[in-house]
Amino acid sequence: MATKFGCKKSVKVEAGPFQLHYGQSGTNELLLLGEGNWNILSRMTGEGTDVYLDGRPFIHFDRSPDGSLTNLQMHLMDAHGKQTISLVDKDVDGQWDFKFDEIAGKNFVWKDGRWIQR
């Protein structure tokens, strides 16, 4: 499967209901996880990693020089594939820092246990 995305080699591993396809080509890596009707595709490019859910952007994160994660972003879409909300966790501490409401055109920051419009 990974060869369809430009990787020279592809390895398929089955673990119960999961199928994991892994491919590597130079510094780019690709993972494809399929379970039922859901397909998750992860592609590493440079210092960042993009994760796609059924072909649509879902999560992006960067790696610091020390290998730790930073700048985690999650994009939520409606049934028509239109991006509705984006959440950002800058320091990847498990707490979202920013929320962007694409439909309302508003930005929020997490402060004192609630979302406050910026």
PDB file of N, CA and C in Angstrom:
ATOM      1  N   MET A   1       0.817  -1.197   0.000  1.00  0.00           N
ATOM      2  CA  MET A   1       0.000   0.000   0.000  1.00  0.00           C
ATOM      3  C   MET A   1       0.865   1.267   0.000  1.00  0.00           C
ATOM      4  N   ALA A   2       1.940   1.284   0.796  1.00  0.00           N
ATOM      5  CA  ALA A   2       2.770   2.489   0.890  1.00  0.00           C
ATOM      6  C   ALA A   2       3.447   2.818  -0.429  1.00  0.00           C
ATOM      7  N   THR A   3       3.670   1.815  -1.290  1.00  0.00           N
ATOM      8  CA  THR A   3       4.295   2.085  -2.572  1.00  0.00           C
ATOM      9  C   THR A   3       3.399   2.945  -3.461  1.00  0.00           C
ATOM     10  N   LYS A   4       2.094   2.919  -3.232  1.00  0.00           N
ATOM     11  CA  LYS A   4       1.181   3.769  -3.990  1.00  0.00           C
ATOM     12  C   LYS A   4       1.383   5.241  -3.678  1.00  0.00           C
ATOM     13  N   PHE A   5       2.037   5.528  -2.537  1.00  0.00           N
ATOM     14  CA  PHE A   5       2.279   6.905  -2.130  1.00  0.00           C
ATOM     15  C   PHE A   5       3.732   7.310  -2.339  1.00  0.00           C
ATOM     16  N   GLY A   6       4.472   6.557  -3.161  1.00  0.00           N
ATOM     17  CA  GLY A   6       5.817   6.949  -3.518  1.00  0.00           C
ATOM     18  C   GLY A   6       6.927   6.292  -2.739  1.00  0.00           C
ATOM     19  N   CYS A   7       6.616   5.400  -1.818  1.00  0.00           N
ATOM     20  CA  CYS A   7       7.658   4.710  -1.063  1.00  0.00           C
ATOM     21  C   CYS A   7       8.199   3.547  -1.895  1.00  0.00           C
ATOM     22  N   LYS A   8       9.485   3.280  -1.755  1.00  0.00           N
ATOM     23  CA  LYS A   8      10.105   2.210  -2.527  1.00  0.00           C
ATOM     24  C   LYS A   8       9.716   0.837  -2.002  1.00  0.00           C
ATOM     25  N   LYS A   9       9.543   0.723  -0.686  1.00  0.00           N
ATOM     26  CA  LYS A   9       9.184  -0.548  -0.073  1.00  0.00           C
ATOM     27  C   LYS A   9       7.948  -0.352   0.793  1.00  0.00           C
ATOM     28  N   SER A  10       7.213  -1.432   0.972  1.00  0.00           N
ATOM     29  CA  SER A  10       6.026  -1.387   1.807  1.00  0.00           C
ATOM     30  C   SER A  10       5.951  -2.663   2.622  1.00  0.00           C
ATOM     31  N   VAL A  11       5.638  -2.530   3.896  1.00  0.00           N
ATOM     32  CA  VAL A  11       5.490  -3.672   4.783  1.00  0.00           C
ATOM     33  C   VAL A  11       4.083  -3.629   5.356  1.00  0.00           C
ATOM     34  N   LYS A  12       3.410  -4.770   5.368  1.00  0.00           N
ATOM     35  CA  LYS A  12       2.059  -4.850   5.915  1.00  0.00           C
ATOM     36  C   LYS A  12       2.084  -5.767   7.133  1.00  0.00           C
ATOM     37  N   VAL A  13       1.513  -5.287   8.236  1.00  0.00           N
ATOM     38  CA  VAL A  13       1.441  -6.058   9.474  1.00  0.00           C
ATOM     39  C   VAL A  13      -0.023  -6.114   9.886  1.00  0.00           C
ATOM     40  N   GLU A  14      -0.498  -7.289  10.271  1.00  0.00           N
ATOM     41  CA  GLU A  14      -1.870  -7.415  10.749  1.00  0.00           C
ATOM     42  C   GLU A  14      -1.843  -7.713  12.232  1.00  0.00           C
ATOM     43  N   ALA A  15      -2.678  -6.990  12.984  1.00  0.00           N
ATOM     44  CA  ALA A  15      -2.806  -7.196  14.423  1.00  0.00           C
ATOM     45  C   ALA A  15      -4.292  -7.133  14.750  1.00  0.00           C
ATOM     46  N   GLY A  16      -4.918  -8.282  14.859  1.00  0.00           N
ATOM     47  CA  GLY A  16      -6.361  -8.319  15.090  1.00  0.00           C
ATOM     48  C   GLY A  16      -7.081  -7.676  13.918  1.00  0.00           C
ATOM     49  N   PRO A  17      -7.989  -6.726  14.190  1.00  0.00           N
ATOM     50  CA  PRO A  17      -8.736  -6.082  13.098  1.00  0.00           C
ATOM     51  C   PRO A  17      -7.950  -4.979  12.388  1.00  0.00           C
ATOM     52  N   PHE A  18      -6.732  -4.683  12.866  1.00  0.00           N
ATOM     53  CA  PHE A  18      -5.955  -3.584  12.310  1.00  0.00           C
ATOM     54  C   PHE A  18      -4.999  -4.063  11.227  1.00  0.00           C
ATOM     55  N   GLN A  19      -4.824  -3.232  10.217  1.00  0.00           N
ATOM     56  CA  GLN A  19      -3.805  -3.454   9.204  1.00  0.00           C
ATOM     57  C   GLN A  19      -2.913  -2.226   9.184  1.00  0.00           C
ATOM     58  N   LEU A  20      -1.635  -2.426   9.362  1.00  0.00           N
ATOM     59  CA  LEU A  20      -0.676  -1.329   9.382  1.00  0.00           C
ATOM     60  C   LEU A  20       0.234  -1.463   8.187  1.00  0.00           C
ATOM     61  N   HIS A  21       0.294  -0.428   7.365  1.00  0.00           N
ATOM     62  CA  HIS A  21       1.194  -0.392   6.216  1.00  0.00           C
ATOM     63  C   HIS A  21       2.269   0.638   6.524  1.00  0.00           C
ATOM     64  N   TYR A  22       3.520   0.251   6.371  1.00  0.00           N
ATOM     65  CA  TYR A  22       4.622   1.152   6.658  1.00  0.00           C
ATOM     66  C   TYR A  22       5.546   1.207   5.457  1.00  0.00           C
ATOM     67  N   GLY A  23       5.949   2.399   5.098  1.00  0.00           N
ATOM     68  CA  GLY A  23       6.892   2.557   4.007  1.00  0.00           C
ATOM     69  C   GLY A  23       7.877   3.646   4.341  1.00  0.00           C
ATOM     70  N   GLN A  24       9.071   3.561   3.787  1.00  0.00           N
ATOM     71  CA  GLN A  24      10.072   4.597   4.017  1.00  0.00           C
ATOM     72  C   GLN A  24      10.775   4.904   2.717  1.00  0.00           C
ATOM     73  N   SER A  25      10.963   6.191   2.471  1.00  0.00           N
ATOM     74  CA  SER A  25      11.645   6.625   1.263  1.00  0.00           C
ATOM     75  C   SER A  25      12.493   7.833   1.620  1.00  0.00           C
ATOM     76  N   GLY A  26      13.778   7.638   1.788  1.00  0.00           N
ATOM     77  CA  GLY A  26      14.657   8.741   2.205  1.00  0.00           C
ATOM     78  C   GLY A  26      14.297   9.159   3.618  1.00  0.00           C
ATOM     79  N   THR A  27      14.057  10.460   3.811  1.00  0.00           N
ATOM     80  CA  THR A  27      13.698  10.940   5.142  1.00  0.00           C
ATOM     81  C   THR A  27      12.183  10.972   5.342  1.00  0.00           C
ATOM     82  N   ASN A  28      11.409  10.682   4.295  1.00  0.00           N
ATOM     83  CA  ASN A  28       9.949  10.686   4.418  1.00  0.00           C
ATOM     84  C   ASN A  28       9.461   9.322   4.869  1.00  0.00           C
ATOM     85  N   GLU A  29       8.533   9.315   5.825  1.00  0.00           N
ATOM     86  CA  GLU A  29       7.948   8.069   6.287  1.00  0.00           C
ATOM     87  C   GLU A  29       6.450   8.138   6.072  1.00  0.00           C
ATOM     88  N   LEU A  30       5.825   6.995   5.932  1.00  0.00           N
ATOM     89  CA  LEU A  30       4.406   6.933   5.706  1.00  0.00           C
ATOM     90  C   LEU A  30       3.825   5.778   6.500  1.00  0.00           C
ATOM     91  N   LEU A  31       2.745   6.016   7.207  1.00  0.00           N
ATOM     92  CA  LEU A  31       2.020   4.968   7.907  1.00  0.00           C
ATOM     93  C   LEU A  31       0.579   5.008   7.449  1.00  0.00           C
ATOM     94  N   LEU A  32      -0.014   3.871   7.241  1.00  0.00           N
ATOM     95  CA  LEU A  32      -1.420   3.808   6.873  1.00  0.00           C
ATOM     96  C   LEU A  32      -2.078   2.766   7.760  1.00  0.00           C
ATOM     97  N   LEU A  33      -3.051   3.181   8.549  1.00  0.00           N
ATOM     98  CA  LEU A  33      -3.739   2.283   9.464  1.00  0.00           C
ATOM     99  C   LEU A  33      -5.188   2.190   9.043  1.00  0.00           C
ATOM    100  N   GLY A  34      -5.666   1.001   8.781  1.00  0.00           N
ATOM    101  CA  GLY A  34      -7.054   0.839   8.366  1.00  0.00           C
ATOM    102  C   GLY A  34      -7.828   0.018   9.365  1.00  0.00           C
ATOM    103  N   GLU A  35      -9.005   0.483   9.743  1.00  0.00           N
ATOM    104  CA  GLU A  35      -9.902  -0.272  10.620  1.00  0.00           C
ATOM    105  C   GLU A  35     -11.313  -0.047  10.114  1.00  0.00           C
ATOM    106  N   GLY A  36     -11.921  -1.043   9.538  1.00  0.00           N
ATOM    107  CA  GLY A  36     -13.271  -0.890   9.023  1.00  0.00           C
ATOM    108  C   GLY A  36     -13.304   0.157   7.928  1.00  0.00           C
ATOM    109  N   ASN A  37     -14.149   1.165   8.089  1.00  0.00           N
ATOM    110  CA  ASN A  37     -14.304   2.210   7.081  1.00  0.00           C
ATOM    111  C   ASN A  37     -13.383   3.402   7.304  1.00  0.00           C
ATOM    112  N   TRP A  38     -12.573   3.378   8.356  1.00  0.00           N
ATOM    113  CA  TRP A  38     -11.702   4.514   8.669  1.00  0.00           C
ATOM    114  C   TRP A  38     -10.303   4.248   8.162  1.00  0.00           C
ATOM    115  N   ASN A  39      -9.695   5.229   7.540  1.00  0.00           N
ATOM    116  CA  ASN A  39      -8.299   5.131   7.110  1.00  0.00           C
ATOM    117  C   ASN A  39      -7.543   6.316   7.683  1.00  0.00           C
ATOM    118  N   ILE A  40      -6.444   6.040   8.354  1.00  0.00           N
ATOM    119  CA  ILE A  40      -5.609   7.095   8.915  1.00  0.00           C
ATOM    120  C   ILE A  40      -4.270   7.039   8.197  1.00  0.00           C
ATOM    121  N   LEU A  41      -3.872   8.151   7.640  1.00  0.00           N
ATOM    122  CA  LEU A  41      -2.624   8.247   6.900  1.00  0.00           C
ATOM    123  C   LEU A  41      -1.729   9.251   7.607  1.00  0.00           C
ATOM    124  N   SER A  42      -0.499   8.865   7.884  1.00  0.00           N
ATOM    125  CA  SER A  42       0.444   9.753   8.553  1.00  0.00           C
ATOM    126  C   SER A  42       1.671   9.894   7.670  1.00  0.00           C
ATOM    127  N   ARG A  43       2.050  11.128   7.390  1.00  0.00           N
ATOM    128  CA  ARG A  43       3.223  11.380   6.541  1.00  0.00           C
ATOM    129  C   ARG A  43       4.145  12.372   7.245  1.00  0.00           C
ATOM    130  N   MET A  44       5.407  11.999   7.389  1.00  0.00           N
ATOM    131  CA  MET A  44       6.388  12.882   8.007  1.00  0.00           C
ATOM    132  C   MET A  44       7.111  13.635   6.902  1.00  0.00           C
ATOM    133  N   THR A  45       7.133  14.955   7.014  1.00  0.00           N
ATOM    134  CA  THR A  45       7.824  15.782   6.025  1.00  0.00           C
ATOM    135  C   THR A  45       8.712  16.773   6.774  1.00  0.00           C
ATOM    136  N   GLY A  46       9.999  16.669   6.608  1.00  0.00           N
ATOM    137  CA  GLY A  46      10.916  17.559   7.319  1.00  0.00           C
ATOM    138  C   GLY A  46      10.814  17.318   8.813  1.00  0.00           C
ATOM    139  N   GLU A  47      10.493  18.366   9.563  1.00  0.00           N
ATOM    140  CA  GLU A  47      10.372  18.241  11.012  1.00  0.00           C
ATOM    141  C   GLU A  47       8.928  18.116  11.456  1.00  0.00           C
ATOM    142  N   GLY A  48       7.973  18.114  10.515  1.00  0.00           N
ATOM    143  CA  GLY A  48       6.562  18.033  10.875  1.00  0.00           C
ATOM    144  C   GLY A  48       5.936  16.734  10.424  1.00  0.00           C
ATOM    145  N   THR A  49       4.811  16.412  11.025  1.00  0.00           N
ATOM    146  CA  THR A  49       4.057  15.220  10.650  1.00  0.00           C
ATOM    147  C   THR A  49       2.608  15.613  10.437  1.00  0.00           C
ATOM    148  N   ASP A  50       2.035  15.176   9.332  1.00  0.00           N
ATOM    149  CA  ASP A  50       0.637  15.413   9.021  1.00  0.00           C
ATOM    150  C   ASP A  50      -0.113  14.096   9.102  1.00  0.00           C
ATOM    151  N   VAL A  51      -1.281  14.132   9.725  1.00  0.00           N
ATOM    152  CA  VAL A  51      -2.136  12.957   9.841  1.00  0.00           C
ATOM    153  C   VAL A  51      -3.445  13.269   9.134  1.00  0.00           C
ATOM    154  N   TYR A  52      -3.883  12.376   8.275  1.00  0.00           N
ATOM    155  CA  TYR A  52      -5.117  12.543   7.512  1.00  0.00           C
ATOM    156  C   TYR A  52      -6.116  11.480   7.935  1.00  0.00           C
ATOM    157  N   LEU A  53      -7.365  11.841   8.086  1.00  0.00           N
ATOM    158  CA  LEU A  53      -8.435  10.913   8.406  1.00  0.00           C
ATOM    159  C   LEU A  53      -9.333  10.818   7.190  1.00  0.00           C
ATOM    160  N   ASP A  54      -9.390   9.641   6.588  1.00  0.00           N
ATOM    161  CA  ASP A  54     -10.135   9.411   5.349  1.00  0.00           C
ATOM    162  C   ASP A  54      -9.795  10.437   4.274  1.00  0.00           C
ATOM    163  N   GLY A  55      -8.499  10.742   4.144  1.00  0.00           N
ATOM    164  CA  GLY A  55      -8.016  11.619   3.090  1.00  0.00           C
ATOM    165  C   GLY A  55      -8.097  13.098   3.382  1.00  0.00           C
ATOM    166  N   ARG A  56      -8.602  13.468   4.546  1.00  0.00           N
ATOM    167  CA  ARG A  56      -8.723  14.892   4.901  1.00  0.00           C
ATOM    168  C   ARG A  56      -7.755  15.241   6.027  1.00  0.00           C
ATOM    169  N   PRO A  57      -7.185  16.461   6.018  1.00  0.00           N
ATOM    170  CA  PRO A  57      -6.267  16.857   7.092  1.00  0.00           C
ATOM    171  C   PRO A  57      -6.952  16.758   8.442  1.00  0.00           C
ATOM    172  N   PHE A  58      -6.245  16.202   9.439  1.00  0.00           N
ATOM    173  CA  PHE A  58      -6.833  16.002  10.756  1.00  0.00           C
ATOM    174  C   PHE A  58      -5.922  16.534  11.862  1.00  0.00           C
ATOM    175  N   ILE A  59      -4.676  16.082  11.898  1.00  0.00           N
ATOM    176  CA  ILE A  59      -3.732  16.499  12.941  1.00  0.00           C
ATOM    177  C   ILE A  59      -2.390  16.841  12.291  1.00  0.00           C
ATOM    178  N   HIS A  60      -1.731  17.853  12.829  1.00  0.00           N
ATOM    179  CA  HIS A  60      -0.372  18.198  12.419  1.00  0.00           C
ATOM    180  C   HIS A  60       0.425  18.474  13.692  1.00  0.00           C
ATOM    181  N   PHE A  61       1.675  18.022  13.719  1.00  0.00           N
ATOM    182  CA  PHE A  61       2.555  18.391  14.824  1.00  0.00           C
ATOM    183  C   PHE A  61       3.971  18.512  14.304  1.00  0.00           C
ATOM    184  N   ASP A  62       4.764  19.310  15.021  1.00  0.00           N
ATOM    185  CA  ASP A  62       6.172  19.517  14.686  1.00  0.00           C
ATOM    186  C   ASP A  62       7.029  18.824  15.734  1.00  0.00           C
ATOM    187  N   ARG A  63       8.297  18.635  15.390  1.00  0.00           N
ATOM    188  CA  ARG A  63       9.265  18.076  16.339  1.00  0.00           C
ATOM    189  C   ARG A  63      10.348  19.112  16.598  1.00  0.00           C
ATOM    190  N   SER A  64      10.670  19.291  17.882  1.00  0.00           N
ATOM    191  CA  SER A  64      11.776  20.163  18.277  1.00  0.00           C
ATOM    192  C   SER A  64      13.090  19.452  17.975  1.00  0.00           C
ATOM    193  N   PRO A  65      14.213  20.192  17.959  1.00  0.00           N
ATOM    194  CA  PRO A  65      15.515  19.557  17.714  1.00  0.00           C
ATOM    195  C   PRO A  65      15.816  18.404  18.687  1.00  0.00           C
ATOM    196  N   ASP A  66      15.261  18.464  19.913  1.00  0.00           N
ATOM    197  CA  ASP A  66      15.509  17.382  20.877  1.00  0.00           C
ATOM    198  C   ASP A  66      14.569  16.188  20.679  1.00  0.00           C
ATOM    199  N   GLY A  67      13.682  16.263  19.670  1.00  0.00           N
ATOM    200  CA  GLY A  67      12.783  15.163  19.368  1.00  0.00           C
ATOM    201  C   GLY A  67      11.412  15.266  20.011  1.00  0.00           C
ATOM    202  N   SER A  68      11.230  16.233  20.908  1.00  0.00           N
ATOM    203  CA  SER A  68       9.933  16.381  21.565  1.00  0.00           C
ATOM    204  C   SER A  68       8.914  17.009  20.604  1.00  0.00           C
ATOM    205  N   LEU A  69       7.648  16.762  20.878  1.00  0.00           N
ATOM    206  CA  LEU A  69       6.580  17.306  20.035  1.00  0.00           C
ATOM    207  C   LEU A  69       6.274  18.734  20.415  1.00  0.00           C
ATOM    208  N   THR A  70       5.848  19.515  19.440  1.00  0.00           N
ATOM    209  CA  THR A  70       5.453  20.892  19.673  1.00  0.00           C
ATOM    210  C   THR A  70       4.408  21.279  18.629  1.00  0.00           C
ATOM    211  N   ASN A  71       3.645  22.307  18.915  1.00  0.00           N
ATOM    212  CA  ASN A  71       2.710  22.883  17.951  1.00  0.00           C
ATOM    213  C   ASN A  71       1.731  21.846  17.386  1.00  0.00           C
ATOM    214  N   LEU A  72       1.023  21.143  18.269  1.00  0.00           N
ATOM    215  CA  LEU A  72       0.021  20.162  17.858  1.00  0.00           C
ATOM    216  C   LEU A  72      -1.241  20.891  17.405  1.00  0.00           C
ATOM    217  N   GLN A  73      -1.723  20.557  16.217  1.00  0.00           N
ATOM    218  CA  GLN A  73      -2.930  21.175  15.671  1.00  0.00           C
ATOM    219  C   GLN A  73      -3.907  20.082  15.261  1.00  0.00           C
ATOM    220  N   MET A  74      -5.191  20.269  15.594  1.00  0.00           N
ATOM    221  CA  MET A  74      -6.221  19.328  15.175  1.00  0.00           C
ATOM    222  C   MET A  74      -7.287  20.104  14.415  1.00  0.00           C
ATOM    223  N   HIS A  75      -7.681  19.584  13.259  1.00  0.00           N
ATOM    224  CA  HIS A  75      -8.660  20.243  12.397  1.00  0.00           C
ATOM    225  C   HIS A  75      -9.916  19.378  12.323  1.00  0.00           C
ATOM    226  N   LEU A  76     -11.051  19.946  12.685  1.00  0.00           N
ATOM    227  CA  LEU A  76     -12.322  19.236  12.645  1.00  0.00           C
ATOM    228  C   LEU A  76     -13.125  19.712  11.448  1.00  0.00           C
ATOM    229  N   MET A  77     -13.780  18.781  10.777  1.00  0.00           N
ATOM    230  CA  MET A  77     -14.528  19.097   9.555  1.00  0.00           C
ATOM    231  C   MET A  77     -15.970  18.647   9.687  1.00  0.00           C
ATOM    232  N   ASP A  78     -16.849  19.292   8.913  1.00  0.00           N
ATOM    233  CA  ASP A  78     -18.243  18.883   8.894  1.00  0.00           C
ATOM    234  C   ASP A  78     -18.426  17.729   7.902  1.00  0.00           C
ATOM    235  N   ALA A  79     -19.657  17.285   7.741  1.00  0.00           N
ATOM    236  CA  ALA A  79     -19.945  16.139   6.876  1.00  0.00           C
ATOM    237  C   ALA A  79     -19.611  16.400   5.411  1.00  0.00           C
ATOM    238  N   HIS A  80     -19.464  17.670   5.028  1.00  0.00           N
ATOM    239  CA  HIS A  80     -19.158  18.033   3.642  1.00  0.00           C
ATOM    240  C   HIS A  80     -17.661  18.257   3.417  1.00  0.00           C
ATOM    241  N   GLY A  81     -16.849  18.007   4.462  1.00  0.00           N
ATOM    242  CA  GLY A  81     -15.405  18.170   4.331  1.00  0.00           C
ATOM    243  C   GLY A  81     -14.920  19.590   4.544  1.00  0.00           C
ATOM    244  N   LYS A  82     -15.801  20.485   4.994  1.00  0.00           N
ATOM    245  CA  LYS A  82     -15.407  21.870   5.247  1.00  0.00           C
ATOM    246  C   LYS A  82     -14.855  21.978   6.669  1.00  0.00           C
ATOM    247  N   GLN A  83     -13.669  22.584   6.784  1.00  0.00           N
ATOM    248  CA  GLN A  83     -13.050  22.747   8.095  1.00  0.00           C
ATOM    249  C   GLN A  83     -13.902  23.680   8.946  1.00  0.00           C
ATOM    250  N   THR A  84     -14.237  23.232  10.169  1.00  0.00           N
ATOM    251  CA  THR A  84     -15.099  24.024  11.039  1.00  0.00           C
ATOM    252  C   THR A  84     -14.353  24.605  12.239  1.00  0.00           C
ATOM    253  N   ILE A  85     -13.518  23.804  12.874  1.00  0.00           N
ATOM    254  CA  ILE A  85     -12.787  24.244  14.061  1.00  0.00           C
ATOM    255  C   ILE A  85     -11.362  23.720  14.000  1.00  0.00           C
ATOM    256  N   SER A  86     -10.422  24.553  14.411  1.00  0.00           N
ATOM    257  CA  SER A  86      -9.030  24.124  14.563  1.00  0.00           C
ATOM    258  C   SER A  86      -8.624  24.376  16.005  1.00  0.00           C
ATOM    259  N   LEU A  87      -7.943  23.411  16.598  1.00  0.00           N
ATOM    260  CA  LEU A  87      -7.444  23.529  17.962  1.00  0.00           C
ATOM    261  C   LEU A  87      -5.929  23.441  17.932  1.00  0.00           C
ATOM    262  N   VAL A  88      -5.259  24.226  18.786  1.00  0.00           N
ATOM    263  CA  VAL A  88      -3.798  24.257  18.820  1.00  0.00           C
ATOM    264  C   VAL A  88      -3.316  24.079  20.257  1.00  0.00           C
ATOM    265  N   ASP A  89      -2.373  23.162  20.435  1.00  0.00           N
ATOM    266  CA  ASP A  89      -1.686  22.958  21.713  1.00  0.00           C
ATOM    267  C   ASP A  89      -0.208  23.245  21.444  1.00  0.00           C
ATOM    268  N   LYS A  90       0.227  24.478  21.686  1.00  0.00           N
ATOM    269  CA  LYS A  90       1.577  24.926  21.309  1.00  0.00           C
ATOM    270  C   LYS A  90       2.685  24.093  21.963  1.00  0.00           C
ATOM    271  N   ASP A  91       2.550  23.796  23.267  1.00  0.00           N
ATOM    272  CA  ASP A  91       3.613  23.087  23.975  1.00  0.00           C
ATOM    273  C   ASP A  91       3.291  21.609  24.202  1.00  0.00           C
ATOM    274  N   VAL A  92       2.213  21.116  23.627  1.00  0.00           N
ATOM    275  CA  VAL A  92       1.791  19.720  23.689  1.00  0.00           C
ATOM    276  C   VAL A  92       1.802  19.209  25.138  1.00  0.00           C
ATOM    277  N   ASP A  93       1.121  19.984  25.999  1.00  0.00           N
ATOM    278  CA  ASP A  93       0.999  19.582  27.401  1.00  0.00           C
ATOM    279  C   ASP A  93      -0.351  18.922  27.690  1.00  0.00           C
ATOM    280  N   GLY A  94      -1.153  18.708  26.646  1.00  0.00           N
ATOM    281  CA  GLY A  94      -2.457  18.068  26.821  1.00  0.00           C
ATOM    282  C   GLY A  94      -3.598  19.054  26.990  1.00  0.00           C
ATOM    283  N   GLN A  95      -3.294  20.343  26.990  1.00  0.00           N
ATOM    284  CA  GLN A  95      -4.317  21.378  27.114  1.00  0.00           C
ATOM    285  C   GLN A  95      -4.294  22.232  25.854  1.00  0.00           C
ATOM    286  N   TRP A  96      -5.427  22.324  25.167  1.00  0.00           N
ATOM    287  CA  TRP A  96      -5.508  23.171  23.982  1.00  0.00           C
ATOM    288  C   TRP A  96      -5.286  24.620  24.395  1.00  0.00           C
ATOM    289  N   ASP A  97      -4.489  25.356  23.619  1.00  0.00           N
ATOM    290  CA  ASP A  97      -4.184  26.760  23.916  1.00  0.00           C
ATOM    291  C   ASP A  97      -5.041  27.726  23.107  1.00  0.00           C
ATOM    292  N   PHE A  98      -5.330  27.376  21.856  1.00  0.00           N
ATOM    293  CA  PHE A  98      -6.082  28.249  20.959  1.00  0.00           C
ATOM    294  C   PHE A  98      -7.172  27.460  20.246  1.00  0.00           C
ATOM    295  N   LYS A  99      -8.260  28.140  19.953  1.00  0.00           N
ATOM    296  CA  LYS A  99      -9.337  27.539  19.159  1.00  0.00           C
ATOM    297  C   LYS A  99      -9.728  28.547  18.093  1.00  0.00           C
ATOM    298  N   PHE A 100      -9.806  28.082  16.851  1.00  0.00           N
ATOM    299  CA  PHE A 100     -10.205  28.917  15.731  1.00  0.00           C
ATOM    300  C   PHE A 100     -11.520  28.370  15.183  1.00  0.00           C
ATOM    301  N   ASP A 101     -12.567  29.160  15.297  1.00  0.00           N
ATOM    302  CA  ASP A 101     -13.883  28.779  14.771  1.00  0.00           C
ATOM    303  C   ASP A 101     -13.959  29.315  13.353  1.00  0.00           C
ATOM    304  N   GLU A 102     -13.777  28.422  12.387  1.00  0.00           N
ATOM    305  CA  GLU A 102     -13.714  28.817  10.976  1.00  0.00           C
ATOM    306  C   GLU A 102     -15.052  29.342  10.461  1.00  0.00           C
ATOM    307  N   ILE A 103     -16.150  28.815  10.975  1.00  0.00           N
ATOM    308  CA  ILE A 103     -17.475  29.229  10.508  1.00  0.00           C
ATOM    309  C   ILE A 103     -17.823  30.624  11.014  1.00  0.00           C
ATOM    310  N   ALA A 104     -17.605  30.859  12.301  1.00  0.00           N
ATOM    311  CA  ALA A 104     -17.917  32.168  12.885  1.00  0.00           C
ATOM    312  C   ALA A 104     -16.812  33.189  12.633  1.00  0.00           C
ATOM    313  N   GLY A 105     -15.623  32.719  12.227  1.00  0.00           N
ATOM    314  CA  GLY A 105     -14.499  33.626  11.998  1.00  0.00           C
ATOM    315  C   GLY A 105     -13.964  34.215  13.291  1.00  0.00           C
ATOM    316  N   LYS A 106     -13.996  33.433  14.374  1.00  0.00           N
ATOM    317  CA  LYS A 106     -13.547  33.928  15.679  1.00  0.00           C
ATOM    318  C   LYS A 106     -12.397  33.093  16.203  1.00  0.00           C
ATOM    319  N   ASN A 107     -11.514  33.752  16.964  1.00  0.00           N
ATOM    320  CA  ASN A 107     -10.368  33.102  17.595  1.00  0.00           C
ATOM    321  C   ASN A 107     -10.535  33.162  19.103  1.00  0.00           C
ATOM    322  N   PHE A 108     -10.146  32.084  19.782  1.00  0.00           N
ATOM    323  CA  PHE A 108     -10.275  32.000  21.224  1.00  0.00           C
ATOM    324  C   PHE A 108      -8.964  31.543  21.836  1.00  0.00           C
ATOM    325  N   VAL A 109      -8.746  31.936  23.093  1.00  0.00           N
ATOM    326  CA  VAL A 109      -7.598  31.487  23.874  1.00  0.00           C
ATOM    327  C   VAL A 109      -8.146  30.849  25.151  1.00  0.00           C
ATOM    328  N   TRP A 110      -7.498  29.763  25.615  1.00  0.00           N
ATOM    329  CA  TRP A 110      -7.922  29.092  26.836  1.00  0.00           C
ATOM    330  C   TRP A 110      -7.318  29.832  28.015  1.00  0.00           C
ATOM    331  N   LYS A 111      -8.197  30.320  28.900  1.00  0.00           N
ATOM    332  CA  LYS A 111      -7.725  31.093  30.047  1.00  0.00           C
ATOM    333  C   LYS A 111      -8.677  30.872  31.216  1.00  0.00           C
ATOM    334  N   ASP A 112      -8.136  30.608  32.370  1.00  0.00           N
ATOM    335  CA  ASP A 112      -8.929  30.421  33.581  1.00  0.00           C
ATOM    336  C   ASP A 112     -10.012  29.362  33.416  1.00  0.00           C
ATOM    337  N   GLY A 113      -9.677  28.278  32.715  1.00  0.00           N
ATOM    338  CA  GLY A 113     -10.598  27.158  32.578  1.00  0.00           C
ATOM    339  C   GLY A 113     -11.728  27.348  31.574  1.00  0.00           C
ATOM    340  N   ARG A 114     -11.591  28.337  30.691  1.00  0.00           N
ATOM    341  CA  ARG A 114     -12.647  28.534  29.677  1.00  0.00           C
ATOM    342  C   ARG A 114     -12.068  29.228  28.454  1.00  0.00           C
ATOM    343  N   TRP A 115     -12.822  29.157  27.335  1.00  0.00           N
ATOM    344  CA  TRP A 115     -12.427  29.807  26.094  1.00  0.00           C
ATOM    345  C   TRP A 115     -12.836  31.270  26.138  1.00  0.00           C
ATOM    346  N   ILE A 116     -11.876  32.149  25.871  1.00  0.00           N
ATOM    347  CA  ILE A 116     -12.124  33.589  25.842  1.00  0.00           C
ATOM    348  C   ILE A 116     -11.787  34.082  24.439  1.00  0.00           C
ATOM    349  N   GLN A 117     -12.700  34.849  23.854  1.00  0.00           N
ATOM    350  CA  GLN A 117     -12.467  35.353  22.495  1.00  0.00           C
ATOM    351  C   GLN A 117     -11.322  36.334  22.500  1.00  0.00           C
ATOM    352  N   ARG A 118     -10.451  36.223  21.465  1.00  0.00           N
ATOM    353  CA  ARG A 118      -9.291  37.128  21.349  1.00  0.00           C
ATOM    354  C   ARG A 118      -9.687  38.374  20.606  1.00  0.00           C
TER     355      ARG A 118
END
